[in-house]
Amino acid sequence: MSIKQARLDLNRRKRLGMVEAIWGENKTSEQIVEILKCLHSAGELALVTRVNSEKAKETKELLENVEFHSEARCLTLGSPAEKNPLLGEVVVLGGGTSDLYVASEAELALRWHGIQTDLLLDVGVAGLSRLLNQLDRLKSAKVLIACAGMEGALPTVLAGLVPQPVIGVPVSVGYGVSLGGKTALEGMLASCAPGLVVVNIDNGYGAAMAALRILKKDF
C-alpha cells in the first residue's frame, strides 16, 4: 500500500468526534510515516495502534517527532486534543498487569481526544476486595472500561455493583481453555448483568471510542 492508495477519513473528527486511528500491526514503518505526515498536515490528531518496539524505532528514525507509548503499543504525532472537563472522566480498569497493553491503549486513545482518564490495575475478581476497595473512587467516573482475560468476569461483577455504563474488553490472556481471549469474550457476551457493552478481543481503542460516543451524546 502506498499513501496514494490510502483513503484517509479526514472528516471523521468533525462528523463523529473521533479521529481515524491507524492500524499499525500490518503496515510498514514507511507506510505509517506517510500517513502520519498526511494527518498532521491536515491538522488532525495522529494515533497509531498495535506497534511493537522495533517498528516504533524504525518509525522514529524516519520521523523524529513521533512519540512511542510503549505500555499502549501506540505511536502519536503532535499534541492531544484540549482536555474538556465538562465531558467527564473515564476510568479504565484491568484485572491484572497482564491486561496493561490493552487497558493502556484505551486510556491513551481517550486522553488523546481530550478526555480525563484514570487507569486502575490489579482489581480482578481473584482478589475481589481489591475491586471493592475502589468503589468510592469509581463514583466520580461517567463511564468505566473493564479489561479482563481468563474467564473475563470483571466487567460482569463491576456492572452489578455500579450504575455507570460499563464497557467490557476481553483480553487474550490465560491458560488453555482461555483460547486467546475467546472464553473471556463469550463470558462477557453471556453476562447476566443487564446493559453490559462488550467489544472485540484486545480492542482497547474500540472500547475507548464507545466511551467517547457515550460522553459526547449530550454535546
N, C-alpha and C. Protein backbone atom coordinates (compact mmCIF):
# COMPACT_ATOMS: atom_id res chain seq x y z
N MET A 1 0.84 -1.20 0.00
CA MET A 1 0.00 0.00 0.00
C MET A 1 0.87 1.24 0.00
N SER A 2 0.61 2.16 -0.89
CA SER A 2 1.27 3.45 -0.88
C SER A 2 0.29 4.47 -0.32
N ILE A 3 0.82 5.64 0.03
CA ILE A 3 -0.04 6.68 0.58
C ILE A 3 -1.12 7.09 -0.42
N LYS A 4 -0.83 6.94 -1.73
CA LYS A 4 -1.82 7.29 -2.75
C LYS A 4 -3.01 6.33 -2.71
N GLN A 5 -2.79 5.11 -2.20
CA GLN A 5 -3.87 4.13 -2.12
C GLN A 5 -4.68 4.27 -0.84
N ALA A 6 -4.13 4.95 0.16
CA ALA A 6 -4.81 5.09 1.45
C ALA A 6 -5.84 6.21 1.36
N ARG A 7 -7.08 5.90 1.66
CA ARG A 7 -8.15 6.89 1.64
C ARG A 7 -8.45 7.28 3.09
N LEU A 8 -7.80 8.31 3.57
CA LEU A 8 -7.94 8.71 4.96
C LEU A 8 -9.24 9.47 5.17
N ASP A 9 -9.88 9.18 6.28
CA ASP A 9 -11.15 9.83 6.63
C ASP A 9 -10.83 11.09 7.43
N LEU A 10 -10.51 12.15 6.73
CA LEU A 10 -10.07 13.37 7.39
C LEU A 10 -11.22 14.17 7.99
N ASN A 11 -12.44 13.77 7.74
CA ASN A 11 -13.61 14.46 8.30
C ASN A 11 -14.24 13.71 9.47
N ARG A 12 -13.58 12.63 9.90
CA ARG A 12 -14.20 11.80 10.94
C ARG A 12 -14.36 12.55 12.25
N ARG A 13 -13.37 13.35 12.64
CA ARG A 13 -13.49 14.07 13.92
C ARG A 13 -14.63 15.08 13.86
N LYS A 14 -14.77 15.76 12.74
CA LYS A 14 -15.86 16.72 12.59
C LYS A 14 -17.20 16.01 12.55
N ARG A 15 -17.25 14.85 11.91
CA ARG A 15 -18.51 14.12 11.73
C ARG A 15 -18.90 13.32 12.97
N LEU A 16 -17.91 12.65 13.59
CA LEU A 16 -18.20 11.73 14.69
C LEU A 16 -17.55 12.11 16.02
N GLY A 17 -16.65 13.08 15.98
CA GLY A 17 -15.97 13.48 17.20
C GLY A 17 -14.77 12.63 17.56
N MET A 18 -14.28 11.83 16.62
CA MET A 18 -13.12 10.98 16.88
C MET A 18 -12.23 10.94 15.65
N VAL A 19 -10.96 10.64 15.88
CA VAL A 19 -10.02 10.59 14.76
C VAL A 19 -9.97 9.18 14.18
N GLU A 20 -9.46 9.11 12.97
CA GLU A 20 -9.22 7.81 12.34
C GLU A 20 -7.87 7.29 12.83
N ALA A 21 -7.89 6.29 13.70
CA ALA A 21 -6.65 5.70 14.18
C ALA A 21 -6.04 4.84 13.08
N ILE A 22 -4.73 4.77 13.07
CA ILE A 22 -4.01 3.97 12.10
C ILE A 22 -3.71 2.61 12.71
N TRP A 23 -4.11 1.55 12.05
CA TRP A 23 -3.77 0.19 12.50
C TRP A 23 -2.35 -0.10 12.05
N GLY A 24 -1.42 -0.18 13.01
CA GLY A 24 -0.02 -0.27 12.66
C GLY A 24 0.55 -1.66 12.50
N GLU A 25 -0.14 -2.66 12.98
CA GLU A 25 0.42 -4.01 13.03
C GLU A 25 0.78 -4.56 11.65
N ASN A 26 -0.05 -4.27 10.67
CA ASN A 26 0.16 -4.83 9.33
C ASN A 26 0.65 -3.79 8.32
N LYS A 27 1.18 -2.69 8.83
CA LYS A 27 1.75 -1.67 7.95
C LYS A 27 3.25 -1.56 8.21
N THR A 28 3.98 -1.18 7.19
CA THR A 28 5.41 -0.94 7.35
C THR A 28 5.62 0.42 8.02
N SER A 29 6.81 0.62 8.54
CA SER A 29 7.12 1.90 9.16
C SER A 29 7.05 3.03 8.13
N GLU A 30 7.43 2.75 6.90
CA GLU A 30 7.36 3.76 5.84
C GLU A 30 5.91 4.16 5.56
N GLN A 31 5.02 3.18 5.51
CA GLN A 31 3.60 3.48 5.29
C GLN A 31 3.03 4.29 6.44
N ILE A 32 3.40 3.93 7.65
CA ILE A 32 2.92 4.66 8.83
C ILE A 32 3.37 6.11 8.79
N VAL A 33 4.63 6.33 8.44
CA VAL A 33 5.17 7.68 8.38
C VAL A 33 4.41 8.53 7.37
N GLU A 34 4.15 7.99 6.20
CA GLU A 34 3.45 8.76 5.16
C GLU A 34 2.04 9.13 5.61
N ILE A 35 1.36 8.20 6.27
CA ILE A 35 0.01 8.50 6.74
C ILE A 35 0.04 9.52 7.87
N LEU A 36 1.01 9.38 8.78
CA LEU A 36 1.15 10.35 9.86
C LEU A 36 1.38 11.75 9.32
N LYS A 37 2.23 11.86 8.32
CA LYS A 37 2.50 13.17 7.72
C LYS A 37 1.24 13.77 7.12
N CYS A 38 0.45 12.92 6.48
CA CYS A 38 -0.79 13.39 5.85
C CYS A 38 -1.78 13.88 6.90
N LEU A 39 -1.94 13.11 7.98
CA LEU A 39 -2.86 13.51 9.05
C LEU A 39 -2.38 14.80 9.71
N HIS A 40 -1.08 14.86 9.97
CA HIS A 40 -0.53 16.03 10.65
C HIS A 40 -0.68 17.28 9.81
N SER A 41 -0.42 17.18 8.52
CA SER A 41 -0.54 18.34 7.64
C SER A 41 -1.98 18.79 7.49
N ALA A 42 -2.92 17.88 7.71
CA ALA A 42 -4.35 18.23 7.64
C ALA A 42 -4.87 18.76 8.97
N GLY A 43 -3.98 18.85 9.97
CA GLY A 43 -4.39 19.38 11.27
C GLY A 43 -5.15 18.38 12.10
N GLU A 44 -5.02 17.09 11.79
CA GLU A 44 -5.74 16.06 12.52
C GLU A 44 -4.86 15.42 13.60
N LEU A 45 -5.52 14.88 14.60
CA LEU A 45 -4.81 14.10 15.61
C LEU A 45 -4.25 12.84 14.95
N ALA A 46 -3.09 12.41 15.39
CA ALA A 46 -2.45 11.25 14.77
C ALA A 46 -2.16 10.19 15.83
N LEU A 47 -2.82 9.05 15.69
CA LEU A 47 -2.69 7.94 16.64
C LEU A 47 -2.52 6.65 15.86
N VAL A 48 -1.49 5.90 16.19
CA VAL A 48 -1.23 4.61 15.55
C VAL A 48 -1.28 3.53 16.61
N THR A 49 -2.10 2.49 16.40
CA THR A 49 -2.21 1.41 17.37
C THR A 49 -1.44 0.18 16.90
N ARG A 50 -1.19 -0.73 17.86
CA ARG A 50 -0.56 -2.03 17.59
C ARG A 50 0.80 -1.90 16.91
N VAL A 51 1.72 -1.25 17.60
CA VAL A 51 3.08 -1.08 17.09
C VAL A 51 4.06 -1.67 18.10
N ASN A 52 4.91 -2.57 17.65
CA ASN A 52 5.91 -3.13 18.56
C ASN A 52 7.11 -2.18 18.64
N SER A 53 8.02 -2.47 19.56
CA SER A 53 9.14 -1.56 19.81
C SER A 53 10.07 -1.44 18.61
N GLU A 54 10.25 -2.53 17.87
CA GLU A 54 11.13 -2.50 16.69
C GLU A 54 10.57 -1.59 15.61
N LYS A 55 9.28 -1.72 15.33
CA LYS A 55 8.67 -0.86 14.32
C LYS A 55 8.62 0.59 14.78
N ALA A 56 8.42 0.78 16.08
CA ALA A 56 8.41 2.13 16.64
C ALA A 56 9.77 2.79 16.43
N LYS A 57 10.84 2.04 16.66
CA LYS A 57 12.20 2.57 16.47
C LYS A 57 12.43 2.95 15.01
N GLU A 58 12.00 2.08 14.10
CA GLU A 58 12.16 2.37 12.68
C GLU A 58 11.38 3.63 12.29
N THR A 59 10.18 3.76 12.82
CA THR A 59 9.34 4.91 12.50
C THR A 59 9.95 6.20 13.03
N LYS A 60 10.47 6.17 14.25
CA LYS A 60 11.09 7.35 14.85
C LYS A 60 12.35 7.77 14.09
N GLU A 61 13.04 6.82 13.50
CA GLU A 61 14.22 7.15 12.69
C GLU A 61 13.82 7.89 11.42
N LEU A 62 12.61 7.64 10.94
CA LEU A 62 12.12 8.29 9.73
C LEU A 62 11.39 9.59 10.03
N LEU A 63 10.84 9.69 11.24
CA LEU A 63 10.05 10.87 11.63
C LEU A 63 10.30 11.12 13.11
N GLU A 64 11.24 12.01 13.39
CA GLU A 64 11.76 12.12 14.75
C GLU A 64 10.77 12.64 15.78
N ASN A 65 9.74 13.35 15.37
CA ASN A 65 8.79 13.92 16.32
C ASN A 65 7.74 12.92 16.81
N VAL A 66 7.78 11.71 16.28
CA VAL A 66 6.84 10.67 16.72
C VAL A 66 7.16 10.25 18.15
N GLU A 67 6.11 10.04 18.94
CA GLU A 67 6.29 9.57 20.32
C GLU A 67 5.76 8.14 20.44
N PHE A 68 6.54 7.26 21.06
CA PHE A 68 6.13 5.88 21.26
C PHE A 68 5.67 5.69 22.70
N HIS A 69 4.44 5.21 22.85
CA HIS A 69 3.88 4.91 24.17
C HIS A 69 3.96 3.39 24.34
N SER A 70 5.03 2.94 24.96
CA SER A 70 5.33 1.50 24.97
C SER A 70 4.27 0.68 25.69
N GLU A 71 3.71 1.20 26.77
CA GLU A 71 2.72 0.42 27.51
C GLU A 71 1.44 0.23 26.71
N ALA A 72 1.15 1.19 25.83
CA ALA A 72 -0.06 1.10 25.00
C ALA A 72 0.23 0.52 23.62
N ARG A 73 1.51 0.34 23.30
CA ARG A 73 1.94 -0.11 21.97
C ARG A 73 1.39 0.81 20.87
N CYS A 74 1.47 2.12 21.14
CA CYS A 74 0.92 3.11 20.21
C CYS A 74 1.95 4.18 19.90
N LEU A 75 1.77 4.81 18.74
CA LEU A 75 2.54 5.98 18.34
C LEU A 75 1.61 7.18 18.24
N THR A 76 2.13 8.36 18.57
CA THR A 76 1.37 9.59 18.37
C THR A 76 2.28 10.63 17.73
N LEU A 77 1.66 11.57 17.05
CA LEU A 77 2.38 12.69 16.46
C LEU A 77 1.59 13.95 16.75
N GLY A 78 2.27 14.96 17.27
CA GLY A 78 1.60 16.21 17.60
C GLY A 78 1.10 16.22 19.03
N SER A 79 0.12 17.07 19.28
CA SER A 79 -0.42 17.24 20.63
C SER A 79 -1.84 16.69 20.70
N PRO A 80 -2.25 16.19 21.88
CA PRO A 80 -3.62 15.69 22.03
C PRO A 80 -4.63 16.82 21.99
N ALA A 81 -5.88 16.46 21.84
CA ALA A 81 -6.94 17.46 21.88
C ALA A 81 -6.98 18.11 23.26
N GLU A 82 -7.42 19.34 23.29
CA GLU A 82 -7.53 20.06 24.57
C GLU A 82 -8.52 19.34 25.49
N LYS A 83 -8.12 19.19 26.74
CA LYS A 83 -8.97 18.47 27.69
C LYS A 83 -10.26 19.24 27.95
N ASN A 84 -11.38 18.51 27.92
CA ASN A 84 -12.69 19.10 28.16
C ASN A 84 -13.29 18.47 29.41
N PRO A 85 -13.14 19.13 30.58
CA PRO A 85 -13.63 18.54 31.82
C PRO A 85 -15.15 18.38 31.88
N LEU A 86 -15.86 19.11 31.02
CA LEU A 86 -17.32 19.01 31.01
C LEU A 86 -17.80 17.64 30.54
N LEU A 87 -16.95 16.94 29.78
CA LEU A 87 -17.33 15.62 29.28
C LEU A 87 -17.26 14.55 30.35
N GLY A 88 -16.53 14.82 31.42
CA GLY A 88 -16.44 13.83 32.50
C GLY A 88 -15.24 12.92 32.34
N GLU A 89 -15.12 11.99 33.28
CA GLU A 89 -13.95 11.12 33.36
C GLU A 89 -14.31 9.68 33.01
N VAL A 90 -13.35 8.99 32.40
CA VAL A 90 -13.46 7.56 32.15
C VAL A 90 -12.38 6.86 32.96
N VAL A 91 -12.75 5.85 33.73
CA VAL A 91 -11.78 5.04 34.45
C VAL A 91 -11.64 3.71 33.71
N VAL A 92 -10.40 3.36 33.41
CA VAL A 92 -10.09 2.11 32.73
C VAL A 92 -9.52 1.15 33.77
N LEU A 93 -10.15 -0.01 33.89
CA LEU A 93 -9.73 -1.00 34.87
C LEU A 93 -9.15 -2.23 34.18
N GLY A 94 -8.15 -2.83 34.81
CA GLY A 94 -7.59 -4.08 34.31
C GLY A 94 -7.55 -5.10 35.42
N GLY A 95 -7.95 -6.33 35.10
CA GLY A 95 -7.96 -7.38 36.11
C GLY A 95 -6.59 -7.63 36.69
N GLY A 96 -5.56 -7.55 35.84
CA GLY A 96 -4.18 -7.76 36.29
C GLY A 96 -3.23 -6.97 35.42
N THR A 97 -1.95 -7.00 35.78
CA THR A 97 -0.97 -6.26 34.99
C THR A 97 -0.79 -6.85 33.59
N SER A 98 -1.23 -8.09 33.38
CA SER A 98 -1.17 -8.68 32.04
C SER A 98 -2.13 -7.99 31.08
N ASP A 99 -3.08 -7.25 31.61
CA ASP A 99 -4.05 -6.51 30.79
C ASP A 99 -3.55 -5.10 30.46
N LEU A 100 -2.31 -4.79 30.85
CA LEU A 100 -1.80 -3.42 30.75
C LEU A 100 -1.82 -2.90 29.32
N TYR A 101 -1.36 -3.69 28.33
CA TYR A 101 -1.29 -3.20 26.96
C TYR A 101 -2.66 -2.74 26.45
N VAL A 102 -3.65 -3.57 26.68
CA VAL A 102 -4.99 -3.26 26.18
C VAL A 102 -5.61 -2.09 26.94
N ALA A 103 -5.48 -2.11 28.25
CA ALA A 103 -6.02 -1.03 29.07
C ALA A 103 -5.33 0.29 28.75
N SER A 104 -4.02 0.25 28.53
CA SER A 104 -3.28 1.48 28.22
C SER A 104 -3.66 2.03 26.85
N GLU A 105 -3.95 1.12 25.89
CA GLU A 105 -4.40 1.58 24.58
C GLU A 105 -5.71 2.35 24.71
N ALA A 106 -6.63 1.84 25.50
CA ALA A 106 -7.91 2.52 25.72
C ALA A 106 -7.70 3.86 26.41
N GLU A 107 -6.87 3.86 27.43
CA GLU A 107 -6.63 5.09 28.19
C GLU A 107 -5.97 6.16 27.33
N LEU A 108 -4.97 5.77 26.54
CA LEU A 108 -4.29 6.73 25.67
C LEU A 108 -5.23 7.28 24.60
N ALA A 109 -6.03 6.42 23.99
CA ALA A 109 -6.95 6.86 22.94
C ALA A 109 -7.93 7.90 23.47
N LEU A 110 -8.40 7.72 24.69
CA LEU A 110 -9.31 8.69 25.29
C LEU A 110 -8.58 9.99 25.64
N ARG A 111 -7.42 9.85 26.24
CA ARG A 111 -6.63 11.03 26.61
C ARG A 111 -6.27 11.84 25.38
N TRP A 112 -6.02 11.16 24.26
CA TRP A 112 -5.67 11.83 23.01
C TRP A 112 -6.84 12.65 22.47
N HIS A 113 -8.06 12.27 22.87
CA HIS A 113 -9.26 13.00 22.47
C HIS A 113 -9.69 14.04 23.50
N GLY A 114 -8.84 14.29 24.50
CA GLY A 114 -9.15 15.33 25.48
C GLY A 114 -10.02 14.87 26.64
N ILE A 115 -10.11 13.57 26.84
CA ILE A 115 -10.94 13.02 27.92
C ILE A 115 -10.09 12.77 29.16
N GLN A 116 -10.59 13.18 30.30
CA GLN A 116 -9.90 12.90 31.56
C GLN A 116 -10.00 11.41 31.86
N THR A 117 -8.88 10.80 32.23
CA THR A 117 -8.86 9.35 32.44
C THR A 117 -8.10 8.98 33.71
N ASP A 118 -8.34 7.76 34.14
CA ASP A 118 -7.54 7.16 35.20
C ASP A 118 -7.43 5.68 34.88
N LEU A 119 -6.31 5.08 35.28
CA LEU A 119 -6.03 3.68 34.99
C LEU A 119 -5.84 2.93 36.29
N LEU A 120 -6.67 1.91 36.51
CA LEU A 120 -6.60 1.09 37.72
C LEU A 120 -6.33 -0.35 37.33
N LEU A 121 -5.21 -0.90 37.79
CA LEU A 121 -4.86 -2.28 37.50
C LEU A 121 -4.93 -3.14 38.76
N ASP A 122 -4.89 -4.45 38.55
CA ASP A 122 -4.92 -5.43 39.65
C ASP A 122 -6.17 -5.29 40.50
N VAL A 123 -7.32 -5.19 39.84
CA VAL A 123 -8.59 -5.15 40.56
C VAL A 123 -9.48 -6.30 40.07
N GLY A 124 -8.87 -7.42 39.70
CA GLY A 124 -9.61 -8.56 39.18
C GLY A 124 -10.34 -9.33 40.27
N VAL A 125 -11.20 -10.24 39.83
CA VAL A 125 -12.07 -10.95 40.77
C VAL A 125 -11.33 -12.02 41.58
N ALA A 126 -10.09 -12.34 41.23
CA ALA A 126 -9.34 -13.30 42.02
C ALA A 126 -9.05 -12.77 43.42
N GLY A 127 -9.07 -11.46 43.57
CA GLY A 127 -8.95 -10.81 44.88
C GLY A 127 -10.01 -9.73 44.94
N LEU A 128 -11.24 -10.13 45.14
CA LEU A 128 -12.39 -9.23 44.97
C LEU A 128 -12.31 -8.00 45.88
N SER A 129 -11.66 -8.13 47.02
CA SER A 129 -11.55 -7.00 47.94
C SER A 129 -10.84 -5.82 47.28
N ARG A 130 -9.94 -6.11 46.35
CA ARG A 130 -9.21 -5.03 45.67
C ARG A 130 -10.15 -4.16 44.86
N LEU A 131 -11.15 -4.80 44.24
CA LEU A 131 -12.14 -4.04 43.49
C LEU A 131 -13.08 -3.29 44.42
N LEU A 132 -13.53 -3.96 45.45
CA LEU A 132 -14.47 -3.33 46.40
C LEU A 132 -13.85 -2.11 47.06
N ASN A 133 -12.56 -2.15 47.26
CA ASN A 133 -11.88 -1.01 47.87
C ASN A 133 -11.83 0.21 46.96
N GLN A 134 -12.12 0.01 45.68
CA GLN A 134 -12.06 1.11 44.71
C GLN A 134 -13.44 1.68 44.36
N LEU A 135 -14.49 1.15 44.94
CA LEU A 135 -15.84 1.57 44.55
C LEU A 135 -16.08 3.05 44.79
N ASP A 136 -15.61 3.59 45.91
CA ASP A 136 -15.78 5.02 46.15
C ASP A 136 -15.06 5.84 45.09
N ARG A 137 -13.89 5.38 44.68
CA ARG A 137 -13.13 6.08 43.65
C ARG A 137 -13.89 6.10 42.32
N LEU A 138 -14.65 5.04 42.03
CA LEU A 138 -15.33 4.92 40.74
C LEU A 138 -16.58 5.78 40.63
N LYS A 139 -17.07 6.27 41.77
CA LYS A 139 -18.33 7.02 41.75
C LYS A 139 -18.27 8.28 40.89
N SER A 140 -17.10 8.88 40.77
CA SER A 140 -16.99 10.13 40.02
C SER A 140 -16.87 9.93 38.51
N ALA A 141 -16.67 8.69 38.08
CA ALA A 141 -16.49 8.42 36.65
C ALA A 141 -17.83 8.41 35.92
N LYS A 142 -17.81 8.84 34.65
CA LYS A 142 -19.01 8.80 33.83
C LYS A 142 -19.15 7.45 33.14
N VAL A 143 -18.03 6.85 32.74
CA VAL A 143 -18.02 5.56 32.05
C VAL A 143 -16.85 4.74 32.59
N LEU A 144 -17.04 3.42 32.64
CA LEU A 144 -15.98 2.51 33.07
C LEU A 144 -15.66 1.54 31.94
N ILE A 145 -14.38 1.32 31.71
CA ILE A 145 -13.92 0.32 30.76
C ILE A 145 -13.19 -0.76 31.55
N ALA A 146 -13.64 -2.00 31.46
CA ALA A 146 -13.07 -3.09 32.24
C ALA A 146 -12.42 -4.11 31.32
N CYS A 147 -11.11 -4.28 31.45
CA CYS A 147 -10.34 -5.20 30.61
C CYS A 147 -9.99 -6.43 31.43
N ALA A 148 -10.29 -7.62 30.88
CA ALA A 148 -10.02 -8.84 31.64
C ALA A 148 -9.81 -10.02 30.71
N GLY A 149 -8.85 -10.87 31.08
CA GLY A 149 -8.63 -12.12 30.37
C GLY A 149 -9.18 -13.28 31.17
N MET A 150 -8.54 -14.47 31.04
CA MET A 150 -9.03 -15.67 31.73
C MET A 150 -10.51 -15.88 31.42
N GLU A 151 -11.35 -15.90 32.46
CA GLU A 151 -12.79 -16.09 32.23
C GLU A 151 -13.52 -14.78 32.00
N GLY A 152 -12.84 -13.65 32.19
CA GLY A 152 -13.41 -12.34 31.86
C GLY A 152 -14.54 -11.89 32.76
N ALA A 153 -14.48 -12.20 34.05
CA ALA A 153 -15.60 -11.92 34.95
C ALA A 153 -15.66 -10.48 35.42
N LEU A 154 -14.56 -9.75 35.35
CA LEU A 154 -14.52 -8.40 35.94
C LEU A 154 -15.64 -7.48 35.46
N PRO A 155 -15.90 -7.35 34.15
CA PRO A 155 -16.97 -6.43 33.72
C PRO A 155 -18.34 -6.81 34.27
N THR A 156 -18.63 -8.11 34.35
CA THR A 156 -19.93 -8.55 34.89
C THR A 156 -20.07 -8.15 36.35
N VAL A 157 -19.06 -8.41 37.15
CA VAL A 157 -19.10 -8.04 38.57
C VAL A 157 -19.24 -6.54 38.72
N LEU A 158 -18.47 -5.80 37.94
CA LEU A 158 -18.50 -4.34 38.01
C LEU A 158 -19.87 -3.80 37.64
N ALA A 159 -20.46 -4.35 36.57
CA ALA A 159 -21.77 -3.88 36.12
C ALA A 159 -22.87 -4.21 37.12
N GLY A 160 -22.62 -5.16 38.00
CA GLY A 160 -23.59 -5.48 39.04
C GLY A 160 -23.43 -4.64 40.30
N LEU A 161 -22.38 -3.82 40.34
CA LEU A 161 -22.09 -3.02 41.53
C LEU A 161 -22.29 -1.53 41.34
N VAL A 162 -22.12 -1.03 40.11
CA VAL A 162 -22.14 0.42 39.89
C VAL A 162 -23.17 0.78 38.82
N PRO A 163 -23.68 2.02 38.84
CA PRO A 163 -24.72 2.42 37.89
C PRO A 163 -24.20 2.92 36.55
N GLN A 164 -22.93 3.24 36.45
CA GLN A 164 -22.40 3.82 35.21
C GLN A 164 -22.37 2.79 34.08
N PRO A 165 -22.34 3.27 32.83
CA PRO A 165 -22.12 2.35 31.72
C PRO A 165 -20.78 1.64 31.87
N VAL A 166 -20.78 0.33 31.64
CA VAL A 166 -19.57 -0.47 31.72
C VAL A 166 -19.31 -1.09 30.36
N ILE A 167 -18.10 -0.91 29.85
CA ILE A 167 -17.70 -1.49 28.58
C ILE A 167 -16.66 -2.56 28.86
N GLY A 168 -16.96 -3.80 28.49
CA GLY A 168 -16.06 -4.91 28.74
C GLY A 168 -15.13 -5.15 27.56
N VAL A 169 -13.86 -5.37 27.87
CA VAL A 169 -12.86 -5.67 26.84
C VAL A 169 -12.22 -7.02 27.16
N PRO A 170 -12.56 -8.08 26.44
CA PRO A 170 -11.90 -9.38 26.66
C PRO A 170 -10.45 -9.31 26.21
N VAL A 171 -9.55 -9.85 27.02
CA VAL A 171 -8.12 -9.78 26.74
C VAL A 171 -7.60 -11.19 26.47
N SER A 172 -6.68 -11.29 25.52
CA SER A 172 -6.17 -12.60 25.10
C SER A 172 -5.10 -13.11 26.06
N VAL A 173 -5.45 -13.20 27.33
CA VAL A 173 -4.55 -13.68 28.37
C VAL A 173 -5.20 -14.85 29.09
N GLY A 174 -4.46 -15.93 29.27
CA GLY A 174 -5.00 -17.05 30.03
C GLY A 174 -4.50 -18.40 29.53
N TYR A 175 -4.61 -19.40 30.37
CA TYR A 175 -4.20 -20.75 30.03
C TYR A 175 -5.21 -21.43 29.10
N GLY A 176 -4.74 -22.49 28.43
CA GLY A 176 -5.56 -23.46 27.70
C GLY A 176 -6.91 -23.01 27.21
N VAL A 177 -7.95 -23.31 27.98
CA VAL A 177 -9.31 -23.07 27.53
C VAL A 177 -9.66 -21.59 27.42
N SER A 178 -8.75 -20.72 27.82
CA SER A 178 -8.99 -19.29 27.61
C SER A 178 -9.00 -18.95 26.13
N LEU A 179 -8.33 -19.78 25.32
CA LEU A 179 -8.42 -19.71 23.86
C LEU A 179 -8.13 -18.33 23.30
N GLY A 180 -7.07 -17.70 23.81
CA GLY A 180 -6.68 -16.40 23.28
C GLY A 180 -7.72 -15.32 23.45
N GLY A 181 -8.49 -15.39 24.51
CA GLY A 181 -9.49 -14.37 24.78
C GLY A 181 -10.91 -14.75 24.40
N LYS A 182 -11.08 -15.87 23.70
CA LYS A 182 -12.43 -16.25 23.27
C LYS A 182 -13.32 -16.60 24.45
N THR A 183 -12.77 -17.26 25.45
CA THR A 183 -13.57 -17.59 26.63
C THR A 183 -14.03 -16.33 27.35
N ALA A 184 -13.12 -15.35 27.49
CA ALA A 184 -13.49 -14.08 28.12
C ALA A 184 -14.56 -13.37 27.30
N LEU A 185 -14.42 -13.38 25.97
CA LEU A 185 -15.41 -12.74 25.10
C LEU A 185 -16.78 -13.38 25.28
N GLU A 186 -16.83 -14.71 25.22
CA GLU A 186 -18.12 -15.39 25.33
C GLU A 186 -18.72 -15.22 26.72
N GLY A 187 -17.87 -15.20 27.74
CA GLY A 187 -18.37 -14.98 29.09
C GLY A 187 -19.00 -13.61 29.23
N MET A 188 -18.35 -12.59 28.67
CA MET A 188 -18.91 -11.24 28.74
C MET A 188 -20.20 -11.13 27.94
N LEU A 189 -20.24 -11.76 26.76
CA LEU A 189 -21.46 -11.72 25.95
C LEU A 189 -22.62 -12.44 26.62
N ALA A 190 -22.29 -13.45 27.44
CA ALA A 190 -23.32 -14.21 28.13
C ALA A 190 -23.60 -13.66 29.51
N SER A 191 -23.09 -12.47 29.82
CA SER A 191 -23.22 -11.88 31.15
C SER A 191 -24.68 -11.72 31.56
N CYS A 192 -24.92 -11.94 32.85
CA CYS A 192 -26.28 -11.74 33.39
C CYS A 192 -26.44 -10.32 33.92
N ALA A 193 -25.42 -9.49 33.79
CA ALA A 193 -25.52 -8.09 34.21
C ALA A 193 -26.15 -7.27 33.08
N PRO A 194 -27.37 -6.75 33.26
CA PRO A 194 -28.05 -6.03 32.17
C PRO A 194 -27.29 -4.78 31.76
N GLY A 195 -27.19 -4.56 30.46
CA GLY A 195 -26.62 -3.33 29.94
C GLY A 195 -25.12 -3.34 29.75
N LEU A 196 -24.46 -4.44 30.03
CA LEU A 196 -23.02 -4.51 29.80
C LEU A 196 -22.74 -4.49 28.31
N VAL A 197 -21.84 -3.59 27.89
CA VAL A 197 -21.44 -3.47 26.50
C VAL A 197 -20.10 -4.18 26.33
N VAL A 198 -19.94 -4.95 25.24
CA VAL A 198 -18.71 -5.72 25.04
C VAL A 198 -18.14 -5.43 23.65
N VAL A 199 -16.83 -5.23 23.59
CA VAL A 199 -16.15 -5.04 22.31
C VAL A 199 -15.31 -6.29 22.01
N ASN A 200 -14.62 -6.27 20.91
CA ASN A 200 -13.86 -7.43 20.46
C ASN A 200 -12.61 -7.66 21.32
N ILE A 201 -12.00 -8.81 21.15
CA ILE A 201 -10.83 -9.20 21.93
C ILE A 201 -9.68 -8.21 21.72
N ASP A 202 -9.12 -7.73 22.83
CA ASP A 202 -7.98 -6.81 22.85
C ASP A 202 -8.26 -5.45 22.21
N ASN A 203 -9.52 -5.12 22.01
CA ASN A 203 -9.86 -3.89 21.28
C ASN A 203 -10.00 -2.70 22.23
N GLY A 204 -8.87 -2.29 22.80
CA GLY A 204 -8.90 -1.14 23.71
C GLY A 204 -9.33 0.13 23.01
N TYR A 205 -8.87 0.33 21.78
CA TYR A 205 -9.26 1.52 21.03
C TYR A 205 -10.77 1.56 20.79
N GLY A 206 -11.34 0.42 20.41
CA GLY A 206 -12.78 0.36 20.17
C GLY A 206 -13.58 0.68 21.42
N ALA A 207 -13.12 0.19 22.57
CA ALA A 207 -13.80 0.49 23.83
C ALA A 207 -13.71 1.98 24.15
N ALA A 208 -12.55 2.57 23.87
CA ALA A 208 -12.38 4.00 24.11
C ALA A 208 -13.33 4.82 23.26
N MET A 209 -13.50 4.43 22.00
CA MET A 209 -14.39 5.18 21.12
C MET A 209 -15.86 4.99 21.49
N ALA A 210 -16.20 3.81 22.02
CA ALA A 210 -17.56 3.61 22.53
C ALA A 210 -17.82 4.53 23.71
N ALA A 211 -16.83 4.63 24.61
CA ALA A 211 -16.96 5.53 25.75
C ALA A 211 -17.07 6.98 25.29
N LEU A 212 -16.29 7.34 24.28
CA LEU A 212 -16.33 8.70 23.76
C LEU A 212 -17.71 9.04 23.21
N ARG A 213 -18.31 8.12 22.49
CA ARG A 213 -19.66 8.35 21.97
C ARG A 213 -20.67 8.58 23.10
N ILE A 214 -20.52 7.82 24.18
CA ILE A 214 -21.42 7.97 25.33
C ILE A 214 -21.25 9.35 25.94
N LEU A 215 -19.99 9.77 26.12
CA LEU A 215 -19.73 11.07 26.73
C LEU A 215 -20.21 12.24 25.88
N LYS A 216 -20.14 12.08 24.56
CA LYS A 216 -20.45 13.17 23.66
C LYS A 216 -21.93 13.24 23.26
N LYS A 217 -22.74 12.32 23.76
CA LYS A 217 -24.11 12.24 23.29
C LYS A 217 -24.92 13.49 23.61
N ASP A 218 -24.55 14.22 24.67
CA ASP A 218 -25.29 15.42 25.05
C ASP A 218 -24.60 16.70 24.60
N PHE A 219 -23.55 16.56 23.78
CA PHE A 219 -22.79 17.74 23.33
C PHE A 219 -22.91 17.93 21.83
